[in-house]
């Protein structure tokens, strides 16, 4: 009977048992790590932006279609972007505006230093997120052109700066650049 007990698979030495234990611990740890990775990768990938959002990350606008003195509205990231090809008179008027009277003083050169002929702003009022209307031919309050948010009366000048009303800031200038010899505007 003693021979049967000795034939069971028992470690012959304490070191052999330790080696087997180490192997089992390593194997269990490796399987656990693979399991965590199998769960974590899809979870992390679910936090990436969707394909339709990535497609809107940047847009290209053909500027040859916009003649001086006219505007175009395009959608970028679900927001309207006002693009205006300004005339020399509009540029001069925007550059001569007194900064002391503006709630959010910013020069026209700071806003559109890349090419002053092109105004590019996100068309969302900084008060409550309404979309302002272009003021065509209106000069009743001494401000020619620009935009008016009819909801609460915010008035923006020809540079997209807040002139009067409850809006606290100027219309935002999105990141943009000119490509193809200033024939294409890349927003985003």
Protein backbone atom coordinates (compact mmCIF):
# COMPACT_ATOMS: atom_id res chain seq x y z
CA UNK A 1 0.00 0.00 0.00
CA UNK A 2 2.77 2.35 0.61
CA UNK A 3 3.90 1.77 -2.96
CA UNK A 4 0.53 2.98 -4.29
CA UNK A 5 0.80 6.23 -2.41
CA UNK A 6 4.25 6.87 -3.76
CA UNK A 7 3.12 6.27 -7.38
CA UNK A 8 0.65 9.16 -7.23
CA UNK A 9 1.89 12.24 -8.99
CA UNK A 10 3.32 14.15 -6.13
CA UNK A 11 6.28 16.39 -6.45
CA UNK A 12 9.50 14.66 -5.56
CA UNK A 13 10.93 17.86 -4.18
CA UNK A 14 9.55 21.17 -2.93
CA UNK A 15 11.21 23.01 -5.84
CA UNK A 16 9.34 20.93 -8.45
CA UNK A 17 6.01 21.92 -6.82
CA UNK A 18 7.03 25.57 -6.85
CA UNK A 19 7.84 25.39 -10.56
CA UNK A 20 4.47 23.84 -11.36
CA UNK A 21 2.70 26.51 -9.26
CA UNK A 22 4.59 29.27 -11.06
CA UNK A 23 3.63 27.83 -14.44
CA UNK A 24 -0.07 27.64 -13.48
CA UNK A 25 0.01 31.20 -12.10
CA UNK A 26 1.62 32.51 -15.29
CA UNK A 27 -0.84 30.64 -17.49
CA UNK A 28 -3.87 31.89 -15.53
CA UNK A 29 -2.51 35.46 -15.62
CA UNK A 30 -1.96 35.30 -19.38
CA UNK A 31 -5.48 33.99 -20.02
CA UNK A 32 -6.90 36.70 -17.75
CA UNK A 33 -4.94 39.43 -19.56
CA UNK A 34 -6.19 38.18 -22.94
CA UNK A 35 -9.75 38.23 -21.59
CA UNK A 36 -9.41 41.79 -20.32
CA UNK A 37 -7.98 42.86 -23.69
CA UNK A 38 -10.81 41.15 -25.56
CA UNK A 39 -13.33 43.17 -23.53
CA UNK A 40 -11.37 46.47 -23.42
CA UNK A 41 -10.62 46.87 -27.14
CA UNK A 42 -14.27 47.03 -28.32
CA UNK A 43 -15.10 49.30 -25.37
CA UNK A 44 -12.30 51.73 -26.24
CA UNK A 45 -13.21 51.64 -29.95
CA UNK A 46 -16.78 52.58 -29.07
CA UNK A 47 -15.47 55.93 -27.80
CA UNK A 48 -13.99 56.88 -31.20
CA UNK A 49 -15.99 59.36 -33.31
CA UNK A 50 -18.44 57.87 -35.77
CA UNK A 51 -17.61 57.81 -39.49
CA UNK A 52 -20.20 60.50 -40.30
CA UNK A 53 -18.63 62.84 -37.74
CA UNK A 54 -15.12 62.22 -39.09
CA UNK A 55 -16.41 63.02 -42.57
CA UNK A 56 -17.46 66.46 -41.30
CA UNK A 57 -14.11 67.12 -39.63
CA UNK A 58 -13.13 69.40 -42.49
CA UNK A 59 -14.82 70.71 -45.60
CA UNK A 60 -13.53 72.38 -48.75
CA UNK A 61 -15.36 75.39 -50.22
CA UNK A 62 -14.78 76.60 -53.77
CA UNK A 63 -14.18 80.36 -53.43
CA UNK A 64 -14.37 81.10 -57.15
CA UNK A 65 -18.18 80.83 -56.90
CA UNK A 66 -18.40 83.75 -54.42
CA UNK A 67 -18.07 87.17 -56.03
CA UNK A 68 -17.05 90.29 -54.04
CA UNK A 69 -19.90 91.63 -51.91
CA UNK A 70 -21.71 88.29 -51.68
CA UNK A 71 -21.92 85.57 -49.04
CA UNK A 72 -22.29 81.84 -48.85
CA UNK A 73 -23.44 79.67 -45.94
CA UNK A 74 -22.02 76.16 -45.57
CA UNK A 75 -22.56 73.57 -42.85
CA UNK A 76 -19.56 72.39 -40.84
CA UNK A 77 -19.92 70.06 -37.84
CA UNK A 78 -23.64 70.75 -37.79
CA UNK A 79 -23.19 74.54 -37.58
CA UNK A 80 -23.62 77.20 -40.26
CA UNK A 81 -20.46 78.96 -41.36
CA UNK A 82 -20.79 82.39 -42.98
CA UNK A 83 -18.26 83.03 -45.74
CA UNK A 84 -18.27 86.53 -47.19
CA UNK A 85 -16.11 87.88 -49.98
CA UNK A 86 -15.71 91.41 -48.70
CA UNK A 87 -15.32 94.45 -50.89
CA UNK A 88 -12.49 96.93 -50.26
CA UNK A 89 -15.07 99.33 -48.74
CA UNK A 90 -16.29 96.63 -46.32
CA UNK A 91 -12.72 95.83 -45.28
CA UNK A 92 -11.93 99.50 -44.69
CA UNK A 93 -15.11 100.01 -42.64
CA UNK A 94 -14.35 96.92 -40.51
CA UNK A 95 -10.77 98.05 -39.91
CA UNK A 96 -11.78 101.60 -38.93
CA UNK A 97 -14.31 100.54 -36.27
CA UNK A 98 -13.63 101.96 -32.82
CA UNK A 99 -12.63 99.18 -30.41
CA UNK A 100 -13.66 101.26 -27.37
CA UNK A 101 -17.35 100.81 -28.15
CA UNK A 102 -17.16 97.04 -28.72
CA UNK A 103 -18.10 94.67 -25.87
CA UNK A 104 -15.51 92.12 -27.11
CA UNK A 105 -12.75 94.31 -28.62
CA UNK A 106 -10.84 92.57 -31.37
CA UNK A 107 -9.36 94.15 -34.48
CA UNK A 108 -10.36 93.02 -37.94
CA UNK A 109 -6.69 92.24 -38.63
CA UNK A 110 -6.58 89.85 -35.64
CA UNK A 111 -9.66 88.04 -36.87
CA UNK A 112 -8.82 87.78 -40.59
CA UNK A 113 -5.07 88.20 -40.99
CA UNK A 114 -4.77 85.31 -43.47
CA UNK A 115 -6.68 87.20 -46.17
CA UNK A 116 -8.77 90.25 -45.21
CA UNK A 117 -10.97 89.87 -48.31
CA UNK A 118 -12.56 86.76 -46.81
CA UNK A 119 -14.70 86.76 -43.68
CA UNK A 120 -15.17 83.27 -42.21
CA UNK A 121 -17.24 82.95 -39.01
CA UNK A 122 -19.43 80.35 -37.35
CA UNK A 123 -22.97 81.68 -37.75
CA UNK A 124 -24.18 80.95 -34.23
CA UNK A 125 -25.07 83.81 -31.90
CA UNK A 126 -22.90 83.74 -28.79
CA UNK A 127 -25.87 84.69 -26.61
CA UNK A 128 -28.19 81.67 -26.87
CA UNK A 129 -27.11 79.86 -30.03
CA UNK A 130 -29.56 81.33 -32.55
CA UNK A 131 -28.56 81.80 -36.20
CA UNK A 132 -28.26 85.51 -37.06
CA UNK A 133 -29.60 86.92 -40.34
CA UNK A 134 -27.48 88.92 -42.72
CA UNK A 135 -28.26 92.65 -42.61
CA UNK A 136 -28.47 93.61 -46.27
CA UNK A 137 -28.75 97.30 -46.95
CA UNK A 138 -29.71 98.18 -43.36
CA UNK A 139 -28.07 101.20 -41.82
CA UNK A 140 -30.78 102.42 -39.47
CA UNK A 141 -28.51 102.29 -36.41
CA UNK A 142 -25.29 103.55 -38.01
CA UNK A 143 -23.99 100.03 -38.62
CA UNK A 144 -23.87 98.96 -42.23
CA UNK A 145 -24.02 95.28 -43.10
CA UNK A 146 -23.17 92.53 -40.65
CA UNK A 147 -25.68 90.24 -38.97
CA UNK A 148 -28.70 90.60 -36.72
CA UNK A 149 -29.91 87.96 -34.28
CA UNK A 150 -33.61 88.71 -34.38
CA UNK A 151 -34.38 86.57 -31.33
CA UNK A 152 -32.78 88.89 -28.77
CA UNK A 153 -31.44 91.82 -30.81
CA UNK A 154 -27.70 91.14 -30.93
CA UNK A 155 -26.07 93.06 -33.79
CA UNK A 156 -22.76 91.99 -35.34
CA UNK A 157 -20.72 94.22 -37.66
CA UNK A 158 -19.06 93.38 -40.99
CA UNK A 159 -16.25 91.63 -39.11
CA UNK A 160 -18.56 89.44 -37.01
CA UNK A 161 -17.90 91.49 -33.87
CA UNK A 162 -20.70 92.12 -31.37
CA UNK A 163 -21.74 95.77 -31.57
CA UNK A 164 -24.83 95.80 -29.37
CA UNK A 165 -27.24 93.44 -27.71
CA UNK A 166 -26.97 90.70 -25.09
CA UNK A 167 -24.36 88.54 -26.89
CA UNK A 168 -21.15 88.50 -24.82
CA UNK A 169 -18.64 87.60 -27.54
CA UNK A 170 -17.91 88.03 -31.24
CA UNK A 171 -18.93 85.37 -33.75
CA UNK A 172 -16.36 82.60 -33.53
CA UNK A 173 -13.75 82.23 -36.28
CA UNK A 174 -13.29 78.53 -37.10
CA UNK A 175 -9.88 77.08 -37.97
CA UNK A 176 -9.40 77.52 -41.71
CA UNK A 177 -6.76 77.79 -44.40
CA UNK A 178 -6.57 78.73 -48.04
CA UNK A 179 -5.39 76.11 -50.54
CA UNK A 180 -4.93 75.91 -54.31
CA UNK A 181 -3.75 79.54 -54.70
CA UNK A 182 -6.59 80.91 -52.52
CA UNK A 183 -9.25 79.28 -54.72
CA UNK A 184 -10.36 76.79 -52.07
CA UNK A 185 -11.10 77.39 -48.40
CA UNK A 186 -10.52 74.41 -46.10
CA UNK A 187 -12.48 74.70 -42.85
CA UNK A 188 -11.45 72.44 -39.99
